[in-house]
């Protein structure tokens, strides 16, 4: 079943926040594994997602 269309505000505070938290967790795992490039890439995704307003 397709998801109903959400307003931009709902997306930013709902799913967007969850996605950012997940990306931060993945970045932290990469950092702990010594994979600085992967860590940087995931943090960059978070920054780009939070700057879009």
N, C-alpha and C. Protein backbone atom coordinates (compact mmCIF):
# COMPACT_ATOMS: atom_id res chain seq x y z
N UNK A 1 0.85 -1.18 0.00
CA UNK A 1 0.00 0.00 0.00
C UNK A 1 0.89 1.24 0.00
N UNK A 2 0.69 2.15 -0.93
CA UNK A 2 1.54 3.34 -0.99
C UNK A 2 1.30 4.26 0.20
N UNK A 3 2.37 4.94 0.61
CA UNK A 3 2.26 5.89 1.71
C UNK A 3 1.54 7.14 1.24
N UNK A 4 0.73 7.73 2.11
CA UNK A 4 0.08 8.98 1.74
C UNK A 4 1.11 10.09 1.63
N UNK A 5 0.83 11.07 0.77
CA UNK A 5 1.75 12.18 0.62
C UNK A 5 1.73 13.01 1.91
N UNK A 6 2.94 13.38 2.33
CA UNK A 6 3.07 14.16 3.55
C UNK A 6 3.52 15.57 3.21
N UNK A 7 3.21 16.46 4.10
CA UNK A 7 3.71 17.82 3.90
C UNK A 7 5.20 17.85 4.16
N UNK A 8 5.86 18.87 3.69
CA UNK A 8 7.30 18.98 3.88
C UNK A 8 7.66 19.02 5.36
N UNK A 9 6.87 19.72 6.17
CA UNK A 9 7.14 19.81 7.61
C UNK A 9 7.07 18.44 8.27
N UNK A 10 6.10 17.64 7.88
CA UNK A 10 5.98 16.29 8.46
C UNK A 10 7.19 15.44 8.08
N UNK A 11 7.64 15.55 6.86
CA UNK A 11 8.77 14.77 6.40
C UNK A 11 10.02 15.16 7.16
N UNK A 12 10.25 16.45 7.36
CA UNK A 12 11.46 16.91 8.03
C UNK A 12 11.48 16.49 9.49
N UNK A 13 10.35 16.52 10.16
CA UNK A 13 10.34 16.19 11.58
C UNK A 13 10.10 14.71 11.83
N UNK A 14 9.51 14.04 10.87
CA UNK A 14 9.20 12.62 11.05
C UNK A 14 10.27 11.73 10.48
N UNK A 15 10.10 11.30 9.25
CA UNK A 15 11.01 10.36 8.62
C UNK A 15 12.41 10.94 8.45
N UNK A 16 12.51 12.22 8.17
CA UNK A 16 13.80 12.85 7.98
C UNK A 16 14.66 12.77 9.23
N UNK A 17 14.03 12.96 10.36
CA UNK A 17 14.77 12.89 11.63
C UNK A 17 15.26 11.46 11.86
N UNK A 18 14.42 10.50 11.59
CA UNK A 18 14.82 9.10 11.75
C UNK A 18 15.96 8.75 10.81
N UNK A 19 15.88 9.21 9.56
CA UNK A 19 16.94 8.95 8.59
C UNK A 19 18.26 9.57 9.04
N UNK A 20 18.19 10.79 9.57
CA UNK A 20 19.41 11.45 10.03
C UNK A 20 20.02 10.69 11.20
N UNK A 21 19.21 10.23 12.12
CA UNK A 21 19.72 9.46 13.26
C UNK A 21 20.36 8.16 12.80
N UNK A 22 19.77 7.54 11.82
CA UNK A 22 20.32 6.29 11.29
C UNK A 22 21.66 6.54 10.61
N UNK A 23 21.74 7.62 9.82
CA UNK A 23 23.00 7.96 9.14
C UNK A 23 24.10 8.27 10.16
N UNK A 24 23.75 8.94 11.25
CA UNK A 24 24.73 9.24 12.29
C UNK A 24 25.23 7.95 12.92
N UNK A 25 24.34 7.00 13.16
CA UNK A 25 24.74 5.72 13.74
C UNK A 25 25.68 4.97 12.79
N UNK A 26 25.37 4.99 11.50
CA UNK A 26 26.23 4.32 10.51
C UNK A 26 27.59 5.02 10.45
N UNK A 27 27.58 6.35 10.52
CA UNK A 27 28.84 7.11 10.52
C UNK A 27 29.67 6.76 11.74
N UNK A 28 29.04 6.61 12.88
CA UNK A 28 29.76 6.25 14.09
C UNK A 28 30.38 4.85 13.97
N UNK A 29 29.63 3.92 13.41
CA UNK A 29 30.17 2.57 13.19
C UNK A 29 31.38 2.62 12.27
N UNK A 30 31.29 3.42 11.21
CA UNK A 30 32.41 3.55 10.27
C UNK A 30 33.62 4.17 10.98
N UNK A 31 33.38 5.17 11.82
CA UNK A 31 34.46 5.81 12.56
C UNK A 31 35.16 4.80 13.46
N UNK A 32 34.38 4.00 14.16
CA UNK A 32 34.96 3.01 15.07
C UNK A 32 35.71 1.91 14.32
N UNK A 33 35.31 1.66 13.08
CA UNK A 33 36.01 0.66 12.25
C UNK A 33 37.23 1.26 11.54
N UNK A 34 37.47 2.57 11.72
CA UNK A 34 38.61 3.22 11.09
C UNK A 34 38.39 3.58 9.63
N UNK A 35 37.14 3.62 9.19
CA UNK A 35 36.81 3.95 7.79
C UNK A 35 36.39 5.42 7.72
N UNK A 36 37.40 6.28 7.68
CA UNK A 36 37.13 7.72 7.73
C UNK A 36 36.36 8.22 6.52
N UNK A 37 36.63 7.66 5.35
CA UNK A 37 35.92 8.09 4.15
C UNK A 37 34.43 7.79 4.23
N UNK A 38 34.10 6.61 4.71
CA UNK A 38 32.69 6.23 4.85
C UNK A 38 32.02 7.09 5.92
N UNK A 39 32.74 7.33 7.02
CA UNK A 39 32.20 8.18 8.09
C UNK A 39 31.89 9.56 7.55
N UNK A 40 32.82 10.12 6.81
CA UNK A 40 32.64 11.45 6.23
C UNK A 40 31.44 11.48 5.28
N UNK A 41 31.30 10.45 4.48
CA UNK A 41 30.19 10.40 3.52
C UNK A 41 28.84 10.39 4.23
N UNK A 42 28.73 9.63 5.30
CA UNK A 42 27.46 9.56 6.03
C UNK A 42 27.16 10.87 6.76
N UNK A 43 28.19 11.48 7.34
CA UNK A 43 27.97 12.77 8.00
C UNK A 43 27.59 13.84 6.98
N UNK A 44 28.15 13.76 5.79
CA UNK A 44 27.80 14.70 4.73
C UNK A 44 26.32 14.57 4.36
N UNK A 45 25.82 13.34 4.31
CA UNK A 45 24.39 13.12 4.01
C UNK A 45 23.51 13.78 5.06
N UNK A 46 23.92 13.65 6.34
CA UNK A 46 23.14 14.24 7.42
C UNK A 46 23.14 15.76 7.30
N UNK A 47 24.31 16.33 7.04
CA UNK A 47 24.41 17.78 6.92
C UNK A 47 23.56 18.29 5.77
N UNK A 48 23.59 17.62 4.64
CA UNK A 48 22.80 18.06 3.49
C UNK A 48 21.32 17.94 3.78
N UNK A 49 20.91 16.89 4.45
CA UNK A 49 19.50 16.68 4.75
C UNK A 49 18.98 17.73 5.74
N UNK A 50 19.81 18.12 6.70
CA UNK A 50 19.35 19.07 7.71
C UNK A 50 19.41 20.50 7.21
N UNK A 51 20.20 20.79 6.18
CA UNK A 51 20.31 22.14 5.67
C UNK A 51 19.21 22.48 4.66
N UNK A 52 18.48 21.50 4.17
CA UNK A 52 17.40 21.73 3.21
C UNK A 52 16.16 22.16 3.98
N UNK A 53 15.84 23.44 3.89
CA UNK A 53 14.65 23.93 4.59
C UNK A 53 13.95 24.97 3.79
